[in-house]
């Protein structure tokens, strides 16, 4: 069984999802899809001037993963600039919200993306250790998650 892809933490969503190489309407211009986490890696490294270790920490991925994301982004941007391709910013494995969750029965604590919690909520979300559905989002949202963005803040049960 393949290991699941880890969610990448992003702080900013792009306001403009397309960059077009010409002001004139050009039909059928080839494009590159720049993933949102790739744009975030470019922003951290090239715009904010962070070291790769710092960017990786902010995105909560390994430095090697950050390097791969960054190289992929730079290749797509360079291809678009040199060959006149549209850059379409869309998709990826990212989240804005990571919540610390806890099982009230066995005491296990772990971190879960908000999107994952909501996707499985209707199917009876349960603790991976004991199977209990008595799981809560902790109100302090520890770690890199920004407390004000936790949509579970103030709720008891997921």
N, C-alpha and C. Protein backbone atom coordinates (compact mmCIF):
# COMPACT_ATOMS: atom_id res chain seq x y z
N UNK A 1 0.85 -1.18 0.00
CA UNK A 1 0.00 0.00 0.00
C UNK A 1 0.89 1.24 0.00
N UNK A 2 0.59 2.18 -0.86
CA UNK A 2 1.37 3.41 -0.96
C UNK A 2 1.13 4.31 0.24
N UNK A 3 2.17 5.01 0.61
CA UNK A 3 2.07 5.95 1.72
C UNK A 3 1.24 7.15 1.28
N UNK A 4 0.29 7.61 2.11
CA UNK A 4 -0.53 8.75 1.71
C UNK A 4 0.29 10.03 1.62
N UNK A 5 -0.09 10.90 0.70
CA UNK A 5 0.60 12.17 0.53
C UNK A 5 0.31 13.06 1.72
N UNK A 6 1.35 13.69 2.22
CA UNK A 6 1.22 14.57 3.38
C UNK A 6 0.68 15.93 2.92
N UNK A 7 -0.24 16.47 3.68
CA UNK A 7 -0.78 17.79 3.38
C UNK A 7 0.32 18.83 3.55
N UNK A 8 0.41 19.76 2.62
CA UNK A 8 1.35 20.87 2.72
C UNK A 8 0.60 22.08 3.27
N UNK A 9 1.19 22.75 4.21
CA UNK A 9 0.56 23.91 4.83
C UNK A 9 0.88 25.14 4.00
N UNK A 10 -0.15 25.88 3.61
CA UNK A 10 0.08 27.13 2.91
C UNK A 10 -0.55 28.27 3.68
N UNK A 11 0.01 29.45 3.51
CA UNK A 11 -0.50 30.64 4.20
C UNK A 11 -1.29 31.54 3.28
N UNK A 12 -0.96 31.55 1.98
CA UNK A 12 -1.61 32.46 1.05
C UNK A 12 -2.12 31.73 -0.17
N UNK A 13 -3.35 32.01 -0.53
CA UNK A 13 -3.91 31.49 -1.77
C UNK A 13 -3.72 32.55 -2.84
N UNK A 14 -3.46 32.14 -4.07
CA UNK A 14 -3.26 33.13 -5.13
C UNK A 14 -4.55 33.88 -5.45
N UNK A 15 -4.43 35.18 -5.64
CA UNK A 15 -5.59 36.00 -6.00
C UNK A 15 -5.90 35.87 -7.49
N UNK A 16 -4.88 35.59 -8.26
CA UNK A 16 -5.04 35.47 -9.72
C UNK A 16 -4.59 34.07 -10.12
N UNK A 17 -5.49 33.24 -10.68
CA UNK A 17 -5.13 31.86 -11.00
C UNK A 17 -4.45 31.66 -12.36
N UNK A 18 -4.35 32.71 -13.19
CA UNK A 18 -3.74 32.57 -14.51
C UNK A 18 -2.76 33.70 -14.77
N UNK A 19 -1.67 33.35 -15.46
CA UNK A 19 -0.78 34.34 -16.04
C UNK A 19 -0.65 33.99 -17.51
N UNK A 20 -0.93 34.97 -18.36
CA UNK A 20 -0.96 34.76 -19.80
C UNK A 20 0.19 35.56 -20.43
N UNK A 21 0.93 34.96 -21.38
CA UNK A 21 2.11 35.62 -21.94
C UNK A 21 1.83 36.78 -22.89
N UNK A 22 0.58 37.11 -23.15
CA UNK A 22 0.27 38.19 -24.07
C UNK A 22 -1.02 38.86 -23.65
N UNK A 23 -1.10 40.16 -23.91
CA UNK A 23 -2.34 40.88 -23.61
C UNK A 23 -3.42 40.57 -24.63
N UNK A 24 -3.03 40.12 -25.81
CA UNK A 24 -3.99 39.78 -26.85
C UNK A 24 -4.49 38.36 -26.62
N UNK A 25 -5.74 38.14 -26.96
CA UNK A 25 -6.29 36.81 -26.82
C UNK A 25 -5.66 35.86 -27.82
N UNK A 26 -4.96 34.86 -27.34
CA UNK A 26 -4.32 33.88 -28.22
C UNK A 26 -4.98 32.53 -27.95
N UNK A 27 -5.73 32.03 -28.93
CA UNK A 27 -6.38 30.73 -28.72
C UNK A 27 -5.37 29.59 -28.67
N UNK A 28 -5.69 28.59 -27.90
CA UNK A 28 -4.91 27.36 -27.84
C UNK A 28 -3.45 27.56 -27.43
N UNK A 29 -3.20 28.44 -26.49
CA UNK A 29 -1.85 28.61 -25.97
C UNK A 29 -1.58 27.48 -24.99
N UNK A 30 -0.46 26.79 -25.14
CA UNK A 30 -0.16 25.71 -24.18
C UNK A 30 0.02 26.29 -22.77
N UNK A 31 -0.18 25.44 -21.78
CA UNK A 31 -0.09 25.94 -20.40
C UNK A 31 0.65 24.95 -19.51
N UNK A 32 1.11 25.46 -18.40
CA UNK A 32 1.67 24.67 -17.31
C UNK A 32 0.78 24.86 -16.10
N UNK A 33 0.50 23.78 -15.38
CA UNK A 33 -0.27 23.89 -14.15
C UNK A 33 0.71 23.95 -12.99
N UNK A 34 0.73 25.08 -12.32
CA UNK A 34 1.58 25.29 -11.15
C UNK A 34 0.72 25.00 -9.92
N UNK A 35 1.09 23.97 -9.16
CA UNK A 35 0.31 23.60 -7.98
C UNK A 35 0.43 24.69 -6.91
N UNK A 36 -0.57 24.80 -6.08
CA UNK A 36 -0.59 25.86 -5.08
C UNK A 36 0.57 25.71 -4.10
N UNK A 37 0.94 24.48 -3.75
CA UNK A 37 2.09 24.34 -2.86
C UNK A 37 3.39 24.70 -3.56
N UNK A 38 3.45 24.56 -4.89
CA UNK A 38 4.63 24.99 -5.63
C UNK A 38 4.75 26.51 -5.60
N UNK A 39 3.63 27.19 -5.77
CA UNK A 39 3.64 28.65 -5.69
C UNK A 39 4.07 29.10 -4.29
N UNK A 40 3.59 28.41 -3.27
CA UNK A 40 3.96 28.76 -1.89
C UNK A 40 5.45 28.56 -1.66
N UNK A 41 6.03 27.49 -2.20
CA UNK A 41 7.46 27.24 -2.06
C UNK A 41 8.26 28.35 -2.76
N UNK A 42 7.82 28.76 -3.96
CA UNK A 42 8.46 29.87 -4.66
C UNK A 42 8.39 31.15 -3.84
N UNK A 43 7.23 31.39 -3.25
CA UNK A 43 7.05 32.60 -2.44
C UNK A 43 8.00 32.60 -1.25
N UNK A 44 8.05 31.48 -0.53
CA UNK A 44 8.92 31.41 0.64
C UNK A 44 10.39 31.59 0.26
N UNK A 45 10.84 30.86 -0.75
CA UNK A 45 12.27 30.84 -1.08
C UNK A 45 12.70 32.08 -1.87
N UNK A 46 11.98 32.39 -2.94
CA UNK A 46 12.44 33.42 -3.86
C UNK A 46 11.92 34.82 -3.55
N UNK A 47 10.75 34.92 -2.98
CA UNK A 47 10.19 36.24 -2.67
C UNK A 47 10.54 36.68 -1.26
N UNK A 48 10.35 35.79 -0.29
CA UNK A 48 10.64 36.14 1.10
C UNK A 48 12.10 35.88 1.48
N UNK A 49 12.83 35.13 0.66
CA UNK A 49 14.24 34.88 0.92
C UNK A 49 14.52 33.91 2.05
N UNK A 50 13.58 33.04 2.36
CA UNK A 50 13.79 32.05 3.42
C UNK A 50 14.75 30.97 2.96
N UNK A 51 15.47 30.39 3.88
CA UNK A 51 16.27 29.21 3.58
C UNK A 51 15.32 28.03 3.38
N UNK A 52 15.80 26.99 2.71
CA UNK A 52 14.94 25.84 2.45
C UNK A 52 14.45 25.19 3.74
N UNK A 53 15.28 25.15 4.74
CA UNK A 53 14.89 24.57 6.02
C UNK A 53 13.71 25.33 6.63
N UNK A 54 13.76 26.66 6.54
CA UNK A 54 12.68 27.49 7.08
C UNK A 54 11.39 27.32 6.28
N UNK A 55 11.51 27.27 4.95
CA UNK A 55 10.34 27.06 4.10
C UNK A 55 9.71 25.71 4.35
N UNK A 56 10.55 24.69 4.49
CA UNK A 56 10.05 23.34 4.77
C UNK A 56 9.32 23.30 6.11
N UNK A 57 9.87 23.98 7.10
CA UNK A 57 9.24 24.02 8.41
C UNK A 57 7.87 24.69 8.34
N UNK A 58 7.78 25.80 7.61
CA UNK A 58 6.50 26.49 7.49
C UNK A 58 5.46 25.64 6.77
N UNK A 59 5.90 24.87 5.79
CA UNK A 59 4.97 24.01 5.04
C UNK A 59 4.78 22.66 5.71
N UNK A 60 5.52 22.39 6.78
CA UNK A 60 5.48 21.14 7.53
C UNK A 60 5.77 19.93 6.64
N UNK A 61 6.84 20.06 5.85
CA UNK A 61 7.34 18.95 5.04
C UNK A 61 8.85 18.85 5.29
N UNK A 62 9.45 17.78 4.82
CA UNK A 62 10.90 17.65 4.97
C UNK A 62 11.60 18.62 4.04
N UNK A 63 12.88 18.87 4.33
CA UNK A 63 13.64 19.77 3.47
C UNK A 63 13.76 19.19 2.07
N UNK A 64 13.92 17.88 1.96
CA UNK A 64 14.02 17.23 0.65
C UNK A 64 12.72 17.38 -0.14
N UNK A 65 11.59 17.24 0.52
CA UNK A 65 10.30 17.44 -0.15
C UNK A 65 10.15 18.88 -0.59
N UNK A 66 10.54 19.82 0.26
CA UNK A 66 10.48 21.23 -0.10
C UNK A 66 11.34 21.48 -1.34
N UNK A 67 12.53 20.88 -1.39
CA UNK A 67 13.43 21.03 -2.53
C UNK A 67 12.77 20.50 -3.81
N UNK A 68 12.12 19.34 -3.73
CA UNK A 68 11.46 18.77 -4.91
C UNK A 68 10.32 19.67 -5.38
N UNK A 69 9.53 20.19 -4.44
CA UNK A 69 8.42 21.09 -4.78
C UNK A 69 8.97 22.34 -5.46
N UNK A 70 10.03 22.91 -4.90
CA UNK A 70 10.63 24.12 -5.42
C UNK A 70 11.21 23.90 -6.82
N UNK A 71 11.92 22.80 -7.03
CA UNK A 71 12.48 22.51 -8.35
C UNK A 71 11.40 22.33 -9.40
N UNK A 72 10.32 21.66 -9.04
CA UNK A 72 9.20 21.47 -9.97
C UNK A 72 8.58 22.82 -10.34
N UNK A 73 8.40 23.68 -9.35
CA UNK A 73 7.83 25.00 -9.59
C UNK A 73 8.72 25.84 -10.50
N UNK A 74 10.00 25.85 -10.22
CA UNK A 74 10.94 26.64 -11.03
C UNK A 74 11.00 26.15 -12.47
N UNK A 75 10.94 24.84 -12.66
CA UNK A 75 10.96 24.28 -14.01
C UNK A 75 9.73 24.72 -14.80
N UNK A 76 8.56 24.68 -14.16
CA UNK A 76 7.32 25.09 -14.84
C UNK A 76 7.32 26.58 -15.16
N UNK A 77 7.79 27.40 -14.23
CA UNK A 77 7.83 28.84 -14.47
C UNK A 77 8.83 29.17 -15.58
N UNK A 78 9.99 28.54 -15.55
CA UNK A 78 10.99 28.79 -16.60
C UNK A 78 10.47 28.35 -17.96
N UNK A 79 9.83 27.19 -18.03
CA UNK A 79 9.25 26.70 -19.29
C UNK A 79 8.20 27.67 -19.81
N UNK A 80 7.38 28.19 -18.92
CA UNK A 80 6.34 29.14 -19.33
C UNK A 80 6.94 30.44 -19.84
N UNK A 81 7.96 30.95 -19.16
CA UNK A 81 8.58 32.22 -19.58
C UNK A 81 9.34 32.07 -20.89
N UNK A 82 10.10 31.00 -21.03
CA UNK A 82 10.92 30.81 -22.23
C UNK A 82 10.07 30.44 -23.44
N UNK A 83 9.06 29.61 -23.24
CA UNK A 83 8.27 29.09 -24.35
C UNK A 83 6.90 29.76 -24.50
N UNK A 84 6.64 30.81 -23.76
CA UNK A 84 5.39 31.57 -23.90
C UNK A 84 4.15 30.79 -23.53
N UNK A 85 4.23 30.01 -22.47
CA UNK A 85 3.07 29.22 -22.03
C UNK A 85 2.32 29.93 -20.92
N UNK A 86 1.03 29.66 -20.85
CA UNK A 86 0.19 30.16 -19.78
C UNK A 86 0.56 29.43 -18.49
N UNK A 87 0.55 30.14 -17.36
CA UNK A 87 0.71 29.50 -16.05
C UNK A 87 -0.67 29.48 -15.40
N UNK A 88 -1.15 28.29 -15.14
CA UNK A 88 -2.44 28.11 -14.47
C UNK A 88 -2.15 27.60 -13.06
N UNK A 89 -2.52 28.37 -12.04
CA UNK A 89 -2.26 28.00 -10.65
C UNK A 89 -3.49 27.28 -10.11
N UNK A 90 -3.33 25.99 -9.80
CA UNK A 90 -4.49 25.22 -9.38
C UNK A 90 -4.05 23.88 -8.80
N UNK A 91 -4.81 23.35 -7.87
CA UNK A 91 -4.64 21.99 -7.38
C UNK A 91 -3.49 21.80 -6.41
N UNK A 92 -3.27 20.55 -6.06
CA UNK A 92 -2.20 20.18 -5.15
C UNK A 92 -2.72 19.51 -3.89
N UNK A 93 -1.80 19.19 -3.00
CA UNK A 93 -2.11 18.58 -1.70
C UNK A 93 -1.78 19.59 -0.62
N UNK A 94 -2.69 20.48 -0.37
CA UNK A 94 -2.42 21.55 0.59
C UNK A 94 -3.63 21.77 1.49
N UNK A 95 -3.37 22.44 2.58
CA UNK A 95 -4.43 22.83 3.49
C UNK A 95 -4.03 24.12 4.18
N UNK A 96 -5.00 24.86 4.62
CA UNK A 96 -4.76 26.05 5.44
C UNK A 96 -4.88 25.69 6.92
N UNK A 97 -5.63 24.66 7.21
CA UNK A 97 -6.04 24.37 8.59
C UNK A 97 -5.59 22.99 9.02
N UNK A 98 -4.76 22.94 10.02
CA UNK A 98 -4.39 21.68 10.66
C UNK A 98 -4.82 21.81 12.12
N UNK A 99 -5.62 20.87 12.56
CA UNK A 99 -6.12 20.91 13.94
C UNK A 99 -5.51 19.78 14.76
N UNK A 100 -5.20 20.08 15.98
CA UNK A 100 -4.80 19.05 16.93
C UNK A 100 -6.08 18.39 17.42
N UNK A 101 -6.17 17.07 17.27
CA UNK A 101 -7.36 16.34 17.70
C UNK A 101 -6.97 15.35 18.78
N UNK A 102 -7.95 14.97 19.58
CA UNK A 102 -7.69 14.07 20.70
C UNK A 102 -8.86 13.12 20.88
N UNK A 103 -8.53 11.86 21.16
CA UNK A 103 -9.54 10.88 21.50
C UNK A 103 -9.77 10.96 23.00
N UNK A 104 -11.00 11.19 23.41
CA UNK A 104 -11.31 11.31 24.83
C UNK A 104 -11.35 9.96 25.54
N UNK A 105 -11.39 8.86 24.78
CA UNK A 105 -11.43 7.54 25.41
C UNK A 105 -10.04 6.99 25.69
N UNK A 106 -9.14 7.01 24.68
CA UNK A 106 -7.80 6.43 24.90
C UNK A 106 -6.72 7.49 25.13
N UNK A 107 -7.05 8.76 24.86
CA UNK A 107 -6.10 9.84 25.10
C UNK A 107 -5.13 10.12 23.96
N UNK A 108 -5.21 9.37 22.86
CA UNK A 108 -4.30 9.62 21.74
C UNK A 108 -4.53 11.01 21.17
N UNK A 109 -3.42 11.69 20.87
CA UNK A 109 -3.48 13.01 20.23
C UNK A 109 -2.76 12.93 18.89
N UNK A 110 -3.30 13.59 17.89
CA UNK A 110 -2.67 13.67 16.59
C UNK A 110 -3.17 14.91 15.88
N UNK A 111 -2.56 15.19 14.72
CA UNK A 111 -2.94 16.36 13.94
C UNK A 111 -3.66 15.90 12.69
N UNK A 112 -4.69 16.62 12.33
CA UNK A 112 -5.51 16.24 11.18
C UNK A 112 -5.87 17.48 10.40
N UNK A 113 -5.94 17.37 9.08
CA UNK A 113 -6.36 18.51 8.27
C UNK A 113 -7.86 18.69 8.42
N UNK A 114 -8.27 19.93 8.37
CA UNK A 114 -9.70 20.24 8.46
C UNK A 114 -10.45 19.57 7.32
N UNK A 115 -9.87 19.62 6.12
CA UNK A 115 -10.54 19.03 4.95
C UNK A 115 -10.75 17.54 5.14
N UNK A 116 -9.77 16.85 5.72
CA UNK A 116 -9.90 15.42 5.95
C UNK A 116 -10.96 15.13 7.01
N UNK A 117 -10.99 15.93 8.05
CA UNK A 117 -12.00 15.73 9.10
C UNK A 117 -13.40 15.90 8.54
N UNK A 118 -13.60 16.92 7.71
CA UNK A 118 -14.93 17.17 7.16
C UNK A 118 -15.32 16.10 6.14
N UNK A 119 -14.35 15.61 5.39
CA UNK A 119 -14.63 14.60 4.37
C UNK A 119 -15.09 13.29 5.00
N UNK A 120 -14.57 12.96 6.16
CA UNK A 120 -14.93 11.69 6.79
C UNK A 120 -15.93 11.85 7.94
N UNK A 121 -16.32 13.07 8.21
CA UNK A 121 -17.23 13.34 9.33
C UNK A 121 -18.53 12.55 9.20
N UNK A 122 -19.12 12.56 8.04
CA UNK A 122 -20.42 11.91 7.85
C UNK A 122 -20.33 10.39 7.88
N UNK A 123 -19.15 9.86 7.74
CA UNK A 123 -18.98 8.41 7.77
C UNK A 123 -18.57 7.90 9.15
N UNK A 124 -18.64 8.76 10.16
CA UNK A 124 -18.31 8.35 11.52
C UNK A 124 -16.82 8.36 11.78
N UNK A 125 -16.25 9.53 11.90
CA UNK A 125 -14.82 9.69 12.16
C UNK A 125 -14.48 9.03 13.48
N UNK A 126 -13.38 8.28 13.51
CA UNK A 126 -13.02 7.58 14.75
C UNK A 126 -11.52 7.59 14.97
N UNK A 127 -11.15 7.31 16.20
CA UNK A 127 -9.75 7.26 16.60
C UNK A 127 -9.07 6.10 15.89
N UNK A 128 -7.88 6.33 15.30
CA UNK A 128 -7.20 5.24 14.61
C UNK A 128 -6.67 4.15 15.57
N UNK A 129 -6.55 4.46 16.87
CA UNK A 129 -6.05 3.47 17.82
C UNK A 129 -7.16 2.60 18.40
N UNK A 130 -8.18 3.26 18.97
CA UNK A 130 -9.20 2.50 19.69
C UNK A 130 -10.54 2.42 18.96
N UNK A 131 -10.71 3.18 17.89
CA UNK A 131 -11.96 3.13 17.13
C UNK A 131 -13.09 3.96 17.71
N UNK A 132 -12.85 4.67 18.79
CA UNK A 132 -13.89 5.48 19.42
C UNK A 132 -14.24 6.68 18.53
N UNK A 133 -15.49 7.07 18.55
CA UNK A 133 -15.91 8.27 17.82
C UNK A 133 -15.93 9.49 18.75
N UNK A 134 -15.46 9.30 19.97
CA UNK A 134 -15.43 10.37 20.95
C UNK A 134 -14.14 11.19 20.77
N UNK A 135 -14.06 11.89 19.61
CA UNK A 135 -12.87 12.63 19.20
C UNK A 135 -13.21 14.11 19.16
N UNK A 136 -12.30 14.93 19.69
CA UNK A 136 -12.52 16.37 19.68
C UNK A 136 -11.34 17.09 19.02
N UNK A 137 -11.61 18.30 18.54
CA UNK A 137 -10.54 19.19 18.09
C UNK A 137 -10.14 20.00 19.31
N UNK A 138 -8.85 19.93 19.65
CA UNK A 138 -8.41 20.69 20.81
C UNK A 138 -8.47 22.18 20.51
N UNK A 139 -8.87 22.96 21.46
CA UNK A 139 -9.12 24.38 21.23
C UNK A 139 -7.87 25.21 21.08
N UNK A 140 -6.73 24.69 21.47
CA UNK A 140 -5.53 25.51 21.38
C UNK A 140 -4.82 25.38 20.03
N UNK A 141 -5.20 24.45 19.19
CA UNK A 141 -4.62 24.28 17.85
C UNK A 141 -3.12 24.49 17.86
N UNK A 142 -2.41 23.60 18.54
CA UNK A 142 -0.96 23.69 18.72
C UNK A 142 -0.20 23.70 17.40
N UNK A 143 1.04 24.05 17.47
CA UNK A 143 1.94 23.93 16.33
C UNK A 143 1.84 25.09 15.36
N UNK A 144 2.05 24.80 14.10
CA UNK A 144 2.11 25.82 13.06
C UNK A 144 0.75 26.34 12.65
N UNK A 145 -0.32 25.64 13.01
CA UNK A 145 -1.65 26.10 12.62
C UNK A 145 -1.94 27.44 13.26
N UNK A 146 -2.57 28.30 12.52
CA UNK A 146 -2.92 29.60 13.07
C UNK A 146 -4.27 29.48 13.76
N UNK A 147 -4.30 29.74 15.04
CA UNK A 147 -5.47 29.53 15.89
C UNK A 147 -6.74 30.15 15.31
N UNK A 148 -6.65 31.34 14.77
CA UNK A 148 -7.86 32.01 14.27
C UNK A 148 -8.45 31.33 13.05
N UNK A 149 -7.65 30.49 12.37
CA UNK A 149 -8.14 29.83 11.17
C UNK A 149 -8.74 28.46 11.44
N UNK A 150 -8.63 27.98 12.64
CA UNK A 150 -9.18 26.67 12.94
C UNK A 150 -10.69 26.78 12.98
N UNK A 151 -11.34 26.16 12.05
CA UNK A 151 -12.81 26.24 11.96
C UNK A 151 -13.49 25.45 13.06
N UNK A 152 -12.72 24.61 13.76
CA UNK A 152 -13.31 23.84 14.86
C UNK A 152 -13.25 24.59 16.17
N UNK A 153 -12.58 25.70 16.20
CA UNK A 153 -12.39 26.44 17.45
C UNK A 153 -13.74 26.67 18.13
N UNK A 154 -13.82 26.28 19.35
CA UNK A 154 -15.04 26.48 20.13
C UNK A 154 -16.02 25.34 20.04
N UNK A 155 -15.79 24.35 19.16
CA UNK A 155 -16.69 23.20 19.07
C UNK A 155 -16.13 22.09 19.90
N UNK A 156 -17.00 21.28 20.44
CA UNK A 156 -16.54 20.15 21.23
C UNK A 156 -16.27 18.92 20.37
N UNK A 157 -17.26 18.48 19.66
CA UNK A 157 -17.10 17.24 18.89
C UNK A 157 -17.01 17.57 17.43
N UNK A 158 -16.21 16.75 16.75
CA UNK A 158 -16.02 16.92 15.32
C UNK A 158 -17.24 16.46 14.57
